[in-house]
């Protein structure tokens, strides 16, 4: 299992190195996830030990949000100052997400019933 944990961190490190070397506007961990995805596509399946390692990481992921939540509470006054633009952005993005999802579901549903 240690080898798969090392693989996960190696993919993230390689992603960070690629982003730094090529000045890509994408976060390094995202590039690392793409590299891991390509590895799994080539392999054809997710190894059982890798599944166990990632399940363990996902199970403790909520702990990673504690520092972010603390930072939000520390700067809560800034949220109050920007309440109107933040609220408008949330409302517009939610409505856009619902609209795009509805259009895609209708389009994909019509395509499936035709075929």
Protein backbone atom coordinates (compact mmCIF):
# COMPACT_ATOMS: atom_id res chain seq x y z
CA UNK A 1 0.00 0.00 0.00
CA UNK A 2 2.95 2.29 0.62
CA UNK A 3 3.91 1.98 -3.04
CA UNK A 4 0.49 3.27 -4.15
CA UNK A 5 0.62 6.16 -1.68
CA UNK A 6 4.04 6.97 -3.13
CA UNK A 7 2.53 6.78 -6.64
CA UNK A 8 -0.18 9.29 -5.68
CA UNK A 9 2.37 11.73 -4.28
CA UNK A 10 4.70 11.17 -7.24
CA UNK A 11 1.89 12.05 -9.66
CA UNK A 12 1.19 15.22 -7.69
CA UNK A 13 4.89 16.12 -7.63
CA UNK A 14 5.23 15.48 -11.36
CA UNK A 15 2.16 17.63 -11.95
CA UNK A 16 3.70 20.45 -9.90
CA UNK A 17 6.98 20.14 -11.79
CA UNK A 18 5.23 20.21 -15.17
CA UNK A 19 3.18 23.26 -14.22
CA UNK A 20 6.30 25.04 -12.97
CA UNK A 21 8.42 24.12 -15.98
CA UNK A 22 5.78 24.87 -18.62
CA UNK A 23 4.14 27.82 -16.80
CA UNK A 24 0.72 26.23 -17.19
CA UNK A 25 -2.27 28.11 -15.75
CA UNK A 26 -3.56 24.90 -14.12
CA UNK A 27 -2.90 23.77 -10.53
CA UNK A 28 -0.22 21.09 -10.23
CA UNK A 29 -2.46 18.62 -8.37
CA UNK A 30 -4.96 18.76 -11.25
CA UNK A 31 -2.22 17.85 -13.71
CA UNK A 32 -1.19 15.09 -11.30
CA UNK A 33 -4.75 13.75 -11.29
CA UNK A 34 -4.73 13.69 -15.09
CA UNK A 35 -1.44 11.77 -15.01
CA UNK A 36 -2.92 9.28 -12.54
CA UNK A 37 -6.01 8.94 -14.76
CA UNK A 38 -3.83 8.21 -17.80
CA UNK A 39 -1.92 5.62 -15.74
CA UNK A 40 -5.18 3.93 -14.78
CA UNK A 41 -6.44 4.02 -18.39
CA UNK A 42 -3.27 2.33 -19.57
CA UNK A 43 -3.48 -0.24 -16.78
CA UNK A 44 -7.16 -0.87 -17.56
CA UNK A 45 -8.37 -1.08 -13.96
CA UNK A 46 -7.86 0.33 -10.48
CA UNK A 47 -5.63 -1.97 -8.43
CA UNK A 48 -7.27 -3.19 -5.22
CA UNK A 49 -4.57 -1.74 -2.96
CA UNK A 50 -4.82 1.64 -4.69
CA UNK A 51 -8.57 1.58 -4.07
CA UNK A 52 -7.97 0.95 -0.36
CA UNK A 53 -5.39 3.74 -0.12
CA UNK A 54 -7.63 6.26 -1.84
CA UNK A 55 -10.65 5.21 0.26
CA UNK A 56 -8.59 5.92 3.37
CA UNK A 57 -7.56 9.33 2.04
CA UNK A 58 -11.14 10.20 1.09
CA UNK A 59 -12.34 9.14 4.53
CA UNK A 60 -10.09 11.72 6.22
CA UNK A 61 -10.48 14.45 3.62
CA UNK A 62 -12.91 16.44 5.78
CA UNK A 63 -9.98 17.27 8.08
CA UNK A 64 -8.42 19.25 5.24
CA UNK A 65 -11.32 21.72 5.33
CA UNK A 66 -10.70 22.72 8.96
CA UNK A 67 -7.92 25.25 8.16
CA UNK A 68 -9.99 26.73 5.32
CA UNK A 69 -13.03 27.07 7.58
CA UNK A 70 -10.90 28.69 10.26
CA UNK A 71 -9.55 31.17 7.70
CA UNK A 72 -13.08 32.02 6.59
CA UNK A 73 -14.14 32.68 10.17
CA UNK A 74 -11.01 34.77 10.77
CA UNK A 75 -11.91 37.05 7.85
CA UNK A 76 -15.67 36.87 8.27
CA UNK A 77 -15.94 40.68 8.15
CA UNK A 78 -14.65 40.60 4.56
CA UNK A 79 -17.51 38.28 3.62
CA UNK A 80 -19.96 40.75 5.13
CA UNK A 81 -18.44 43.61 3.11
CA UNK A 82 -18.75 41.63 -0.12
CA UNK A 83 -22.11 40.01 0.65
CA UNK A 84 -23.94 41.49 -2.36
CA UNK A 85 -21.43 40.46 -5.07
CA UNK A 86 -20.92 37.06 -3.44
CA UNK A 87 -24.68 36.48 -3.20
CA UNK A 88 -25.21 37.58 -6.80
CA UNK A 89 -22.41 35.31 -8.00
CA UNK A 90 -23.85 32.35 -6.11
CA UNK A 91 -27.34 33.01 -7.46
CA UNK A 92 -26.22 33.45 -11.08
CA UNK A 93 -23.91 30.43 -11.00
CA UNK A 94 -26.61 28.25 -9.43
CA UNK A 95 -29.18 29.27 -12.03
CA UNK A 96 -26.66 28.76 -14.84
CA UNK A 97 -25.81 25.30 -13.52
CA UNK A 98 -29.48 24.33 -13.34
CA UNK A 99 -30.12 25.66 -16.85
CA UNK A 100 -27.10 23.91 -18.41
CA UNK A 101 -27.96 20.65 -16.62
CA UNK A 102 -31.55 20.86 -17.85
CA UNK A 103 -30.53 21.55 -21.44
CA UNK A 104 -27.98 18.72 -21.41
CA UNK A 105 -30.45 16.26 -19.88
CA UNK A 106 -33.08 17.16 -22.48
CA UNK A 107 -30.54 16.88 -25.30
CA UNK A 108 -29.06 13.59 -24.08
CA UNK A 109 -32.52 12.18 -23.33
CA UNK A 110 -33.77 13.03 -26.82
CA UNK A 111 -30.63 11.52 -28.35
CA UNK A 112 -31.09 8.30 -26.40
CA UNK A 113 -34.77 7.94 -27.35
CA UNK A 114 -33.92 8.47 -31.05
CA UNK A 115 -31.18 5.83 -31.09
